[in-house]
N, C-alpha and C. Protein backbone atom coordinates (compact mmCIF):
# COMPACT_ATOMS: atom_id res chain seq x y z
N MET A 1 9.37 15.54 0.47
CA MET A 1 9.57 14.19 1.08
C MET A 1 9.90 13.09 -0.09
N ALA A 2 8.99 13.62 -1.25
CA ALA A 2 9.09 12.29 -2.29
C ALA A 2 10.30 12.58 -2.81
N ASN A 3 11.12 13.53 -2.73
CA ASN A 3 12.30 13.50 -3.62
C ASN A 3 13.54 12.68 -2.80
N ASP A 4 13.02 12.24 -1.57
CA ASP A 4 13.84 11.27 -0.79
C ASP A 4 13.71 9.86 -1.43
N LYS A 5 12.85 9.48 -2.01
CA LYS A 5 12.46 8.32 -2.55
C LYS A 5 13.39 7.78 -3.72
N PRO A 6 13.53 6.44 -3.52
CA PRO A 6 14.61 6.06 -4.89
C PRO A 6 13.87 6.17 -6.17
N LYS A 7 14.35 6.57 -7.42
CA LYS A 7 13.91 6.71 -8.59
C LYS A 7 14.62 5.84 -9.51
N ARG A 8 14.09 5.29 -10.73
CA ARG A 8 14.45 4.44 -11.81
C ARG A 8 15.70 5.69 -12.48
N THR A 9 16.86 4.91 -12.57
CA THR A 9 17.67 6.08 -13.47
C THR A 9 17.39 6.00 -14.93
N THR A 10 16.34 6.37 -15.28
CA THR A 10 15.86 6.62 -16.79
C THR A 10 15.00 7.77 -16.86
N SER A 11 14.84 8.38 -17.98
CA SER A 11 14.06 9.58 -18.24
C SER A 11 12.74 8.95 -18.71
N ARG A 12 11.69 9.77 -18.36
CA ARG A 12 10.39 9.11 -18.83
C ARG A 12 9.23 10.32 -19.33
N THR A 13 8.43 10.08 -20.34
CA THR A 13 7.61 10.96 -20.50
C THR A 13 6.30 10.06 -20.32
N ARG A 14 4.86 10.58 -20.10
CA ARG A 14 3.84 10.10 -20.11
C ARG A 14 2.50 10.39 -20.91
N LYS A 15 1.85 9.57 -21.56
CA LYS A 15 0.96 9.82 -22.33
C LYS A 15 -0.34 9.31 -22.34
N ASN A 16 -1.58 9.68 -22.31
CA ASN A 16 -2.63 8.80 -22.06
C ASN A 16 -2.43 7.83 -20.80
N GLY A 17 -1.67 8.10 -19.77
CA GLY A 17 -1.62 7.21 -18.73
C GLY A 17 -0.75 5.99 -18.94
N ILE A 18 -0.02 6.21 -20.07
CA ILE A 18 1.01 5.04 -20.55
C ILE A 18 2.33 5.83 -20.42
N SER A 19 3.35 5.22 -19.50
CA SER A 19 4.65 6.02 -19.52
C SER A 19 5.41 5.65 -20.58
N SER A 20 6.65 6.46 -21.06
CA SER A 20 7.41 5.90 -22.17
C SER A 20 8.70 6.50 -21.61
N ARG A 21 9.76 5.61 -21.55
CA ARG A 21 10.98 5.60 -20.81
C ARG A 21 12.19 5.40 -21.73
N ARG A 22 13.36 6.32 -21.85
CA ARG A 22 14.24 5.90 -22.64
C ARG A 22 15.43 5.35 -21.56
N PRO A 23 16.07 4.30 -21.99
CA PRO A 23 17.03 3.63 -20.85
C PRO A 23 18.47 4.77 -20.80
N SER A 24 18.90 4.93 -19.64
CA SER A 24 19.94 5.84 -19.34
C SER A 24 21.00 4.94 -19.03
N ALA A 25 22.52 5.50 -19.35
CA ALA A 25 23.38 5.00 -19.33
C ALA A 25 24.00 4.32 -18.05
N SER A 26 23.06 5.03 -17.00
CA SER A 26 23.45 4.45 -15.67
C SER A 26 22.44 3.36 -15.19
N ALA A 27 21.71 2.75 -16.16
CA ALA A 27 21.05 1.75 -15.76
C ALA A 27 21.60 0.49 -15.35
N ALA A 28 22.42 0.05 -15.94
CA ALA A 28 23.24 -1.01 -15.80
C ALA A 28 24.06 -1.00 -14.40
N ALA A 29 24.33 0.14 -14.10
CA ALA A 29 25.19 0.44 -12.78
C ALA A 29 24.17 0.49 -11.65
N ALA A 30 22.73 0.54 -11.93
CA ALA A 30 21.69 0.44 -10.95
C ALA A 30 21.76 -0.71 -10.34
N ALA A 31 21.74 -1.96 -11.22
CA ALA A 31 21.48 -3.35 -10.96
C ALA A 31 22.60 -3.68 -10.04
N ALA A 32 23.83 -3.04 -9.79
CA ALA A 32 24.88 -3.43 -9.15
C ALA A 32 24.55 -3.20 -7.54
N SER A 33 23.80 -2.43 -7.25
CA SER A 33 23.33 -2.05 -5.96
C SER A 33 21.75 -2.07 -5.70
N PRO A 34 21.43 -3.08 -4.76
CA PRO A 34 20.10 -2.97 -4.43
C PRO A 34 19.64 -1.72 -4.14
N ARG A 35 18.36 -1.44 -4.35
CA ARG A 35 17.45 -0.28 -3.79
C ARG A 35 16.42 -0.58 -2.46
N PRO A 36 16.45 0.40 -1.76
CA PRO A 36 15.66 0.13 -0.36
C PRO A 36 14.32 -0.11 -0.88
N ARG A 37 13.49 -0.90 0.06
CA ARG A 37 12.11 -1.12 -0.09
C ARG A 37 11.10 0.21 0.23
N VAL A 38 10.25 0.48 -0.82
CA VAL A 38 9.53 1.47 -0.69
C VAL A 38 7.97 1.03 -0.05
N PRO A 39 7.47 1.72 0.81
CA PRO A 39 6.47 1.33 1.58
C PRO A 39 5.18 1.49 0.74
N ALA A 40 4.19 0.64 0.84
CA ALA A 40 2.99 0.83 -0.09
C ALA A 40 2.27 1.90 0.00
N SER A 41 2.22 3.05 -0.40
CA SER A 41 1.37 4.37 -0.14
C SER A 41 1.28 5.12 -1.67
N ALA A 42 0.41 5.83 -1.86
CA ALA A 42 -0.08 6.81 -2.98
C ALA A 42 1.01 7.66 -3.19
N ALA A 43 1.68 7.93 -2.10
CA ALA A 43 2.66 9.09 -2.17
C ALA A 43 3.98 8.54 -2.56
N ALA A 44 4.39 7.08 -2.50
CA ALA A 44 5.64 6.67 -2.88
C ALA A 44 6.05 7.26 -4.05
N ALA A 45 7.53 7.47 -4.06
CA ALA A 45 8.03 7.88 -5.48
C ALA A 45 8.14 6.61 -6.50
N ALA A 46 8.63 5.47 -6.07
CA ALA A 46 9.10 4.40 -6.57
C ALA A 46 8.01 3.31 -6.64
N PRO A 47 7.51 2.94 -7.68
CA PRO A 47 6.20 2.06 -8.13
C PRO A 47 6.56 0.53 -7.47
N LEU A 48 5.70 0.01 -7.02
CA LEU A 48 5.80 -1.53 -6.22
C LEU A 48 5.41 -2.48 -7.64
N VAL A 49 4.65 -2.28 -8.77
CA VAL A 49 4.20 -2.83 -9.56
C VAL A 49 4.35 -2.14 -10.83
N ALA A 50 4.98 -2.99 -11.89
CA ALA A 50 4.88 -2.43 -13.39
C ALA A 50 3.96 -3.34 -14.08
N VAL A 51 3.01 -2.55 -14.72
CA VAL A 51 2.26 -2.79 -15.86
C VAL A 51 2.59 -2.59 -17.17
N ILE A 52 3.02 -3.61 -18.02
CA ILE A 52 3.52 -3.37 -19.06
C ILE A 52 2.90 -4.20 -20.31
N MET A 53 2.77 -3.83 -21.53
CA MET A 53 2.28 -4.50 -22.91
C MET A 53 2.97 -3.97 -23.92
N GLY A 54 2.76 -4.92 -24.82
CA GLY A 54 3.57 -4.79 -25.98
C GLY A 54 3.05 -3.88 -27.12
N SER A 55 1.96 -3.18 -26.78
CA SER A 55 1.65 -1.94 -28.11
C SER A 55 0.41 -1.28 -27.11
N LYS A 56 0.28 -0.14 -27.63
CA LYS A 56 -0.71 1.00 -26.71
C LYS A 56 -2.22 0.42 -27.09
N THR A 57 -2.58 -0.68 -28.13
CA THR A 57 -3.69 -1.27 -28.28
C THR A 57 -4.01 -2.18 -27.07
N ASP A 58 -3.24 -2.43 -26.32
CA ASP A 58 -3.38 -3.41 -25.19
C ASP A 58 -3.91 -2.37 -24.10
N TRP A 59 -3.71 -1.11 -23.95
CA TRP A 59 -3.93 -0.33 -23.02
C TRP A 59 -5.47 -0.34 -22.60
N GLU A 60 -6.42 -0.77 -23.68
CA GLU A 60 -7.77 -0.68 -23.53
C GLU A 60 -8.09 -1.93 -22.35
N THR A 61 -7.22 -2.92 -22.46
CA THR A 61 -7.57 -4.15 -21.58
C THR A 61 -6.73 -3.86 -20.18
N MET A 62 -5.51 -3.39 -20.27
CA MET A 62 -4.77 -3.33 -19.38
C MET A 62 -5.27 -2.11 -18.39
N ARG A 63 -5.76 -1.02 -18.66
CA ARG A 63 -6.44 -0.03 -17.96
C ARG A 63 -6.95 -0.48 -16.80
N TYR A 64 -7.77 -1.61 -16.83
CA TYR A 64 -8.48 -2.16 -15.76
C TYR A 64 -7.57 -2.69 -14.46
N ALA A 65 -6.07 -3.18 -14.91
CA ALA A 65 -5.12 -3.63 -14.02
C ALA A 65 -4.54 -1.79 -13.09
N ASP A 66 -4.71 -0.88 -14.13
CA ASP A 66 -4.29 0.43 -13.37
C ASP A 66 -5.36 0.74 -12.41
N GLU A 67 -6.44 0.52 -12.86
CA GLU A 67 -7.68 1.05 -12.07
C GLU A 67 -7.73 0.33 -10.75
N MET A 68 -7.40 -0.91 -10.78
CA MET A 68 -7.54 -1.73 -9.65
C MET A 68 -6.31 -1.32 -8.59
N LEU A 69 -5.23 -1.14 -9.29
CA LEU A 69 -3.93 -0.89 -8.41
C LEU A 69 -4.48 0.55 -7.81
N ARG A 70 -4.82 1.72 -8.59
CA ARG A 70 -5.26 2.94 -8.05
C ARG A 70 -6.35 2.86 -6.96
N GLN A 71 -7.12 1.75 -7.16
CA GLN A 71 -8.49 1.59 -5.95
C GLN A 71 -7.54 1.17 -4.36
N PHE A 72 -6.30 0.53 -4.73
CA PHE A 72 -5.70 0.19 -3.46
C PHE A 72 -4.81 1.04 -3.08
N ASP A 73 -4.61 2.06 -3.90
CA ASP A 73 -3.15 3.10 -3.63
C ASP A 73 -2.05 2.43 -3.76
N VAL A 74 -2.00 1.65 -4.46
CA VAL A 74 -0.64 0.73 -4.93
C VAL A 74 -0.01 1.89 -6.02
N PRO A 75 1.39 2.20 -5.49
CA PRO A 75 1.96 2.71 -6.56
C PRO A 75 2.49 1.99 -7.63
N HIS A 76 2.50 2.56 -8.80
CA HIS A 76 2.73 1.48 -10.05
C HIS A 76 2.98 2.09 -11.11
N GLU A 77 3.62 1.49 -12.13
CA GLU A 77 3.77 2.53 -13.49
C GLU A 77 3.00 1.53 -14.66
N CYS A 78 2.47 2.00 -15.66
CA CYS A 78 2.33 1.56 -16.94
C CYS A 78 2.84 1.79 -18.05
N ARG A 79 3.36 1.02 -18.76
CA ARG A 79 4.23 1.37 -20.22
C ARG A 79 4.34 0.47 -21.08
N VAL A 80 4.34 0.78 -22.49
CA VAL A 80 4.71 -0.08 -23.44
C VAL A 80 6.27 -0.33 -23.67
N ILE A 81 6.26 -1.86 -23.65
CA ILE A 81 7.61 -2.61 -24.02
C ILE A 81 7.14 -3.50 -25.02
N SER A 82 7.96 -3.84 -26.26
CA SER A 82 7.85 -4.53 -27.03
C SER A 82 8.80 -5.94 -26.87
N ALA A 83 8.30 -7.21 -26.63
CA ALA A 83 9.29 -8.31 -26.72
C ALA A 83 9.77 -8.16 -27.98
N HIS A 84 9.31 -7.90 -28.99
CA HIS A 84 9.84 -8.14 -30.42
C HIS A 84 10.60 -6.97 -31.08
N ARG A 85 9.93 -5.61 -31.03
CA ARG A 85 10.61 -4.58 -31.23
C ARG A 85 11.56 -3.96 -30.55
N THR A 86 11.35 -4.06 -29.35
CA THR A 86 12.51 -3.49 -28.41
C THR A 86 12.88 -4.49 -27.21
N PRO A 87 13.63 -5.71 -27.79
CA PRO A 87 13.94 -6.78 -26.97
C PRO A 87 15.13 -6.31 -25.91
N GLN A 88 15.92 -5.70 -26.24
CA GLN A 88 16.88 -5.14 -25.22
C GLN A 88 16.52 -4.42 -24.26
N LEU A 89 15.44 -3.15 -24.57
CA LEU A 89 14.66 -2.51 -23.30
C LEU A 89 14.11 -3.60 -22.67
N ALA A 90 13.24 -4.34 -23.26
CA ALA A 90 12.43 -5.25 -22.41
C ALA A 90 13.32 -6.01 -21.33
N ALA A 91 14.54 -6.62 -21.54
CA ALA A 91 15.55 -7.60 -20.96
C ALA A 91 16.01 -6.49 -19.92
N GLU A 92 16.37 -5.21 -20.24
CA GLU A 92 16.78 -4.32 -19.33
C GLU A 92 15.98 -4.24 -18.07
N PHE A 93 14.84 -3.63 -18.68
CA PHE A 93 13.57 -3.39 -17.69
C PHE A 93 13.34 -4.39 -16.69
N ALA A 94 13.46 -5.67 -17.28
CA ALA A 94 13.19 -6.91 -16.22
C ALA A 94 14.43 -6.96 -15.16
N SER A 95 15.60 -7.19 -15.87
CA SER A 95 16.75 -7.24 -15.01
C SER A 95 17.14 -6.29 -14.05
N THR A 96 16.68 -5.04 -14.26
CA THR A 96 16.86 -4.04 -13.21
C THR A 96 15.85 -3.82 -12.39
N ALA A 97 14.25 -4.51 -12.54
CA ALA A 97 13.30 -4.17 -11.95
C ALA A 97 13.45 -4.18 -10.41
N GLU A 98 13.88 -5.31 -9.96
CA GLU A 98 13.78 -5.41 -8.56
C GLU A 98 14.94 -4.48 -7.70
N TYR A 99 15.87 -3.85 -8.62
CA TYR A 99 16.72 -2.94 -7.80
C TYR A 99 16.28 -1.55 -7.36
N CYS A 100 15.12 -1.20 -8.54
CA CYS A 100 14.19 0.03 -8.45
C CYS A 100 13.09 -0.01 -7.70
N GLY A 101 12.84 -1.13 -7.16
CA GLY A 101 11.51 -1.02 -6.06
C GLY A 101 10.43 -1.90 -6.26
N ILE A 102 10.32 -2.47 -7.72
CA ILE A 102 9.44 -3.31 -8.23
C ILE A 102 9.37 -4.83 -7.64
N GLU A 103 8.29 -4.99 -7.33
CA GLU A 103 8.20 -6.58 -6.61
C GLU A 103 7.39 -7.18 -7.32
N VAL A 104 6.26 -6.81 -8.28
CA VAL A 104 5.62 -7.87 -9.16
C VAL A 104 5.16 -6.86 -10.55
N LEU A 105 5.45 -7.75 -11.49
CA LEU A 105 5.43 -7.16 -12.92
C LEU A 105 4.00 -7.98 -13.50
N ILE A 106 3.24 -7.20 -14.24
CA ILE A 106 2.12 -7.69 -14.90
C ILE A 106 2.59 -7.38 -16.14
N ALA A 107 2.19 -8.52 -17.15
CA ALA A 107 2.53 -8.45 -18.56
C ALA A 107 1.35 -8.90 -19.42
N ALA A 108 1.17 -7.81 -20.15
CA ALA A 108 0.01 -8.16 -21.06
C ALA A 108 0.65 -9.31 -22.12
N ALA A 109 0.27 -10.48 -22.30
CA ALA A 109 0.37 -11.36 -23.02
C ALA A 109 -0.39 -11.68 -24.31
N GLY A 110 0.05 -11.24 -25.55
CA GLY A 110 -0.59 -11.65 -26.71
C GLY A 110 -0.03 -12.69 -27.60
N GLY A 111 -0.80 -13.24 -28.55
CA GLY A 111 -0.50 -14.13 -29.47
C GLY A 111 0.69 -15.23 -29.01
N ALA A 112 1.76 -15.12 -29.22
CA ALA A 112 3.12 -15.93 -28.60
C ALA A 112 3.26 -15.55 -27.16
N ALA A 113 2.88 -14.63 -26.70
CA ALA A 113 3.10 -14.29 -25.14
C ALA A 113 4.25 -14.26 -25.02
N HIS A 114 5.34 -13.76 -25.87
CA HIS A 114 6.81 -13.36 -25.82
C HIS A 114 7.31 -12.41 -24.60
N LEU A 115 6.34 -11.42 -24.68
CA LEU A 115 6.42 -10.31 -23.54
C LEU A 115 6.80 -10.90 -22.24
N ALA A 116 5.57 -11.87 -21.68
CA ALA A 116 5.51 -12.18 -20.28
C ALA A 116 6.53 -13.27 -20.31
N GLY A 117 6.84 -13.89 -21.10
CA GLY A 117 8.02 -15.01 -21.01
C GLY A 117 9.23 -14.32 -21.10
N LEU A 118 9.42 -13.51 -21.78
CA LEU A 118 10.87 -12.78 -21.79
C LEU A 118 11.12 -11.92 -20.52
N ILE A 119 10.16 -11.47 -20.38
CA ILE A 119 10.33 -10.55 -18.68
C ILE A 119 10.62 -11.65 -17.78
N ALA A 120 10.01 -12.86 -17.43
CA ALA A 120 10.06 -13.71 -16.54
C ALA A 120 11.54 -14.40 -16.57
N ALA A 121 12.08 -14.70 -17.81
CA ALA A 121 13.52 -15.03 -18.09
C ALA A 121 14.51 -14.19 -17.53
N HIS A 122 14.03 -12.90 -17.13
CA HIS A 122 15.33 -11.69 -17.01
C HIS A 122 15.03 -11.61 -15.48
N THR A 123 14.21 -11.83 -14.79
CA THR A 123 13.85 -11.55 -13.44
C THR A 123 13.53 -12.81 -12.48
N THR A 124 13.73 -12.66 -10.98
CA THR A 124 13.26 -13.71 -10.36
C THR A 124 11.95 -13.19 -9.60
N LEU A 125 11.41 -11.95 -9.97
CA LEU A 125 10.28 -11.31 -9.37
C LEU A 125 8.99 -12.24 -10.03
N PRO A 126 7.95 -12.10 -9.38
CA PRO A 126 6.57 -12.47 -9.91
C PRO A 126 6.28 -12.04 -11.04
N VAL A 127 5.93 -12.64 -11.99
CA VAL A 127 5.44 -12.07 -13.41
C VAL A 127 4.07 -12.96 -13.64
N LEU A 128 3.08 -11.97 -13.80
CA LEU A 128 1.68 -12.36 -13.85
C LEU A 128 1.49 -11.91 -15.31
N GLY A 129 0.98 -13.08 -16.10
CA GLY A 129 0.62 -12.88 -17.78
C GLY A 129 -1.07 -12.77 -17.76
N VAL A 130 -1.21 -11.49 -18.67
CA VAL A 130 -2.83 -11.63 -19.08
C VAL A 130 -3.14 -11.44 -20.31
N PRO A 131 -3.44 -12.80 -20.90
CA PRO A 131 -3.43 -13.06 -22.21
C PRO A 131 -4.64 -11.99 -22.78
N MET A 132 -4.01 -11.43 -24.17
CA MET A 132 -4.92 -10.32 -24.55
C MET A 132 -5.92 -11.33 -25.67
N LYS A 133 -7.08 -10.72 -25.84
CA LYS A 133 -8.09 -11.50 -26.96
C LYS A 133 -7.64 -11.05 -28.35
N SER A 134 -7.15 -12.11 -28.88
CA SER A 134 -6.64 -11.89 -30.36
C SER A 134 -7.77 -11.84 -31.31
N GLU A 135 -7.44 -11.18 -32.61
CA GLU A 135 -8.55 -11.21 -33.69
C GLU A 135 -8.59 -12.52 -34.14
N ALA A 136 -7.38 -13.39 -34.31
CA ALA A 136 -7.45 -14.55 -35.16
C ALA A 136 -7.79 -15.80 -34.17
N LEU A 137 -7.67 -15.76 -33.14
CA LEU A 137 -8.23 -16.98 -32.02
C LEU A 137 -8.86 -16.56 -31.00
N ASN A 138 -9.36 -15.25 -31.02
CA ASN A 138 -10.06 -15.01 -29.72
C ASN A 138 -9.37 -15.08 -28.43
N GLY A 139 -8.18 -15.01 -28.44
CA GLY A 139 -7.43 -15.20 -27.15
C GLY A 139 -6.88 -16.48 -26.81
N MET A 140 -7.39 -17.54 -27.54
CA MET A 140 -6.94 -18.78 -27.02
C MET A 140 -5.56 -19.02 -27.39
N ASP A 141 -4.68 -18.46 -28.41
CA ASP A 141 -3.54 -18.48 -28.69
C ASP A 141 -2.64 -17.78 -27.43
N SER A 142 -3.19 -16.59 -27.20
CA SER A 142 -2.38 -16.15 -25.92
C SER A 142 -2.44 -16.75 -24.60
N LEU A 143 -3.55 -17.12 -24.21
CA LEU A 143 -3.86 -18.11 -22.92
C LEU A 143 -2.67 -19.39 -23.21
N LEU A 144 -3.13 -20.02 -24.21
CA LEU A 144 -2.46 -21.34 -24.42
C LEU A 144 -0.71 -21.14 -24.20
N SER A 145 -0.19 -20.15 -24.89
CA SER A 145 1.25 -19.81 -25.00
C SER A 145 1.53 -19.33 -23.59
N THR A 146 0.78 -18.60 -22.90
CA THR A 146 1.30 -18.26 -21.42
C THR A 146 1.18 -19.24 -20.29
N VAL A 147 -0.06 -20.18 -20.54
CA VAL A 147 -0.27 -21.23 -19.52
C VAL A 147 0.86 -22.18 -19.74
N GLN A 148 1.43 -22.37 -20.94
CA GLN A 148 2.24 -23.38 -21.07
C GLN A 148 3.60 -23.14 -21.21
N MET A 149 3.87 -22.37 -20.47
CA MET A 149 5.51 -21.97 -20.41
C MET A 149 6.26 -23.37 -19.78
N PRO A 150 7.55 -23.26 -20.30
CA PRO A 150 8.57 -24.48 -19.98
C PRO A 150 8.62 -24.49 -18.60
N ALA A 151 8.88 -25.55 -17.87
CA ALA A 151 9.00 -25.72 -16.50
C ALA A 151 10.63 -24.89 -16.05
N GLY A 152 10.58 -24.24 -15.17
CA GLY A 152 11.61 -23.55 -14.70
C GLY A 152 11.50 -21.99 -14.92
N ILE A 153 10.48 -21.72 -15.77
CA ILE A 153 10.47 -19.90 -15.91
C ILE A 153 8.90 -19.91 -15.69
N PRO A 154 8.31 -19.61 -14.73
CA PRO A 154 6.95 -19.70 -14.38
C PRO A 154 6.56 -18.43 -14.73
N VAL A 155 5.26 -18.37 -15.33
CA VAL A 155 4.34 -16.91 -15.48
C VAL A 155 3.08 -17.14 -14.96
N GLY A 156 2.55 -16.40 -14.00
CA GLY A 156 1.26 -16.89 -13.34
C GLY A 156 0.47 -16.41 -14.39
N THR A 157 -0.74 -17.27 -14.92
CA THR A 157 -1.61 -16.81 -16.02
C THR A 157 -3.17 -16.62 -15.52
N LEU A 158 -3.72 -15.70 -16.02
CA LEU A 158 -4.93 -15.24 -15.39
C LEU A 158 -5.76 -15.34 -16.71
N ALA A 159 -7.08 -14.78 -16.49
CA ALA A 159 -8.26 -15.12 -17.50
C ALA A 159 -7.64 -14.00 -18.65
N ILE A 160 -8.51 -14.36 -19.82
CA ILE A 160 -8.27 -13.60 -20.91
C ILE A 160 -8.82 -12.25 -20.74
N GLY A 161 -8.32 -11.25 -21.22
CA GLY A 161 -9.14 -9.60 -21.20
C GLY A 161 -9.09 -9.38 -19.97
N LYS A 162 -10.44 -8.29 -19.63
CA LYS A 162 -10.55 -7.55 -18.81
C LYS A 162 -10.65 -8.29 -17.43
N PRO A 163 -11.13 -9.42 -17.25
CA PRO A 163 -11.07 -10.25 -16.12
C PRO A 163 -9.62 -10.67 -15.64
N GLY A 164 -8.78 -10.93 -16.60
CA GLY A 164 -7.74 -11.25 -16.13
C GLY A 164 -6.70 -9.98 -15.63
N ALA A 165 -7.06 -8.98 -16.53
CA ALA A 165 -6.14 -7.66 -16.02
C ALA A 165 -6.62 -7.19 -14.66
N THR A 166 -7.95 -7.19 -14.39
CA THR A 166 -8.61 -7.16 -12.88
C THR A 166 -8.04 -7.91 -11.85
N ASN A 167 -7.98 -9.08 -12.24
CA ASN A 167 -7.31 -10.12 -11.21
C ASN A 167 -5.96 -10.20 -10.93
N ALA A 168 -5.06 -9.88 -12.27
CA ALA A 168 -3.76 -9.61 -12.04
C ALA A 168 -3.65 -8.71 -11.05
N ALA A 169 -4.30 -7.53 -11.07
CA ALA A 169 -4.02 -6.41 -10.06
C ALA A 169 -4.17 -6.93 -8.72
N LEU A 170 -5.40 -7.47 -8.38
CA LEU A 170 -5.63 -8.06 -7.15
C LEU A 170 -4.60 -9.05 -6.59
N PHE A 171 -4.06 -9.98 -7.50
CA PHE A 171 -3.03 -10.78 -7.36
C PHE A 171 -1.90 -10.33 -6.83
N ALA A 172 -1.33 -9.22 -7.54
CA ALA A 172 -0.37 -8.23 -7.02
C ALA A 172 -0.63 -7.56 -5.72
N VAL A 173 -1.79 -7.26 -5.60
CA VAL A 173 -2.15 -6.66 -4.16
C VAL A 173 -2.13 -7.70 -3.06
N ALA A 174 -2.35 -8.95 -3.34
CA ALA A 174 -2.25 -9.97 -2.50
C ALA A 174 -0.70 -10.30 -2.15
N ILE A 175 -0.07 -10.44 -3.39
CA ILE A 175 1.37 -10.84 -2.86
C ILE A 175 2.13 -9.46 -2.20
N LEU A 176 1.62 -8.21 -2.49
CA LEU A 176 2.21 -7.14 -1.47
C LEU A 176 1.90 -7.23 -0.04
N ALA A 177 0.59 -7.66 -0.37
CA ALA A 177 -0.25 -7.66 1.26
C ALA A 177 0.36 -8.53 2.58
N ASN A 178 1.31 -9.59 2.07
CA ASN A 178 1.93 -10.56 2.71
C ASN A 178 2.68 -9.78 3.75
N SER A 179 3.63 -8.74 3.43
CA SER A 179 4.41 -8.02 4.19
C SER A 179 3.84 -6.69 4.49
N ARG A 180 2.70 -6.45 4.17
CA ARG A 180 2.17 -4.95 4.23
C ARG A 180 0.62 -5.07 4.86
N PRO A 181 0.78 -5.08 6.20
CA PRO A 181 -0.64 -5.33 7.24
C PRO A 181 -1.87 -4.44 6.95
N ALA A 182 -1.41 -2.87 6.46
CA ALA A 182 -2.54 -2.09 6.08
C ALA A 182 -3.19 -2.37 4.64
N LEU A 183 -2.42 -2.90 3.81
CA LEU A 183 -2.84 -3.51 2.45
C LEU A 183 -3.46 -4.38 2.66
N ARG A 184 -3.32 -5.53 3.48
CA ARG A 184 -4.07 -6.73 3.66
C ARG A 184 -5.20 -6.66 4.18
N GLU A 185 -5.42 -5.47 5.20
CA GLU A 185 -6.51 -4.99 5.64
C GLU A 185 -7.67 -4.36 4.50
N LYS A 186 -7.05 -3.97 3.34
CA LYS A 186 -7.81 -3.12 2.31
C LYS A 186 -8.33 -4.32 1.65
N LEU A 187 -7.34 -5.38 1.52
CA LEU A 187 -7.86 -6.44 0.56
C LEU A 187 -9.22 -7.36 1.31
N ARG A 188 -9.03 -7.26 2.55
CA ARG A 188 -10.02 -7.97 3.21
C ARG A 188 -11.43 -7.08 2.94
N GLU A 189 -11.27 -5.72 3.25
CA GLU A 189 -12.61 -4.98 3.29
C GLU A 189 -12.85 -4.97 1.71
N PHE A 190 -12.09 -5.18 0.59
CA PHE A 190 -12.69 -5.53 -0.45
C PHE A 190 -13.51 -6.49 -0.73
N ARG A 191 -12.60 -7.68 -0.41
CA ARG A 191 -13.59 -8.88 -0.24
C ARG A 191 -14.88 -8.98 0.49
N LYS A 192 -14.72 -8.09 1.72
CA LYS A 192 -16.12 -7.94 2.49
C LYS A 192 -17.36 -7.35 1.62
N ARG A 193 -16.93 -6.23 1.03
CA ARG A 193 -17.89 -5.41 0.05
C ARG A 193 -18.34 -6.35 -1.08
N GLN A 194 -17.46 -6.99 -1.54
CA GLN A 194 -18.10 -8.02 -2.66
C GLN A 194 -19.26 -9.20 -1.79
N GLU A 195 -18.84 -9.47 -1.02
CA GLU A 195 -19.74 -10.27 -0.10
C GLU A 195 -21.12 -9.62 0.06
N ASP A 196 -21.05 -8.51 0.58
CA ASP A 196 -22.04 -7.67 1.03
C ASP A 196 -23.07 -7.58 -0.14
N GLU A 197 -22.48 -7.24 -1.29
CA GLU A 197 -23.27 -6.91 -2.43
C GLU A 197 -24.10 -8.43 -3.14
N VAL A 198 -23.56 -9.33 -2.75
CA VAL A 198 -24.14 -10.60 -3.14
C VAL A 198 -25.05 -10.99 -2.22
N ARG A 199 -24.84 -10.63 -0.72
CA ARG A 199 -25.89 -11.07 0.32
C ARG A 199 -26.85 -10.16 0.00
N ASN A 200 -27.00 -8.77 -0.44
CA ASN A 200 -27.92 -7.91 -0.41
C ASN A 200 -28.26 -7.54 -1.84
N ALA A 201 -28.05 -8.60 -2.53
CA ALA A 201 -28.72 -8.50 -4.04
C ALA A 201 -30.08 -8.91 -4.22
N THR A 202 -30.92 -7.91 -4.78
CA THR A 202 -32.43 -8.21 -5.07
C THR A 202 -32.77 -8.53 -6.34
N LEU A 203 -33.77 -9.15 -6.88
CA LEU A 203 -34.34 -9.44 -8.27
C LEU A 203 -35.41 -8.56 -8.32
N ASP A 204 -35.41 -7.76 -9.32
CA ASP A 204 -36.86 -6.83 -9.68
C ASP A 204 -37.69 -7.89 -10.41
């Protein structure tokens, strides 16, 4: 049944939970015809959310987005794409994403936050930027450059580091849940569990 689902026209390998894909010659052709929407389920072949980062070191933070999406059974992919070292790949990935079933993009935004901005410039899909905690300025450079995107090319900006990665995934779930009642119910249950934990909390 999974073979009937649409697949992005590129080859990929996967290491340590991060996929690595080489663009195929047919990728440009894929953009010419829209792909059918894939329902949110763990068995879906095509991802609904893409979690991308500029380097493998960002995975220590972005794995929290991956974990939260898995908790909601949202099909997604995680991979490394550099705005500076692989700009053509980044542009191609963003411009063809919607035709491959992607509905939300989450981008790790480090330093000048070029990845989130570059992705947003090549797609009309929602792009959520997660500022990375930097060694030089403790993530403030990432945060400010992401939140200060010029008018006309928005990037939704989350908190620095782990909280931002977690909330980016929850934000993506909320976006997808607008057209998926079952996912919306899962989100309500998640919120209810959080409320119950606070209500039932005791101090030793």
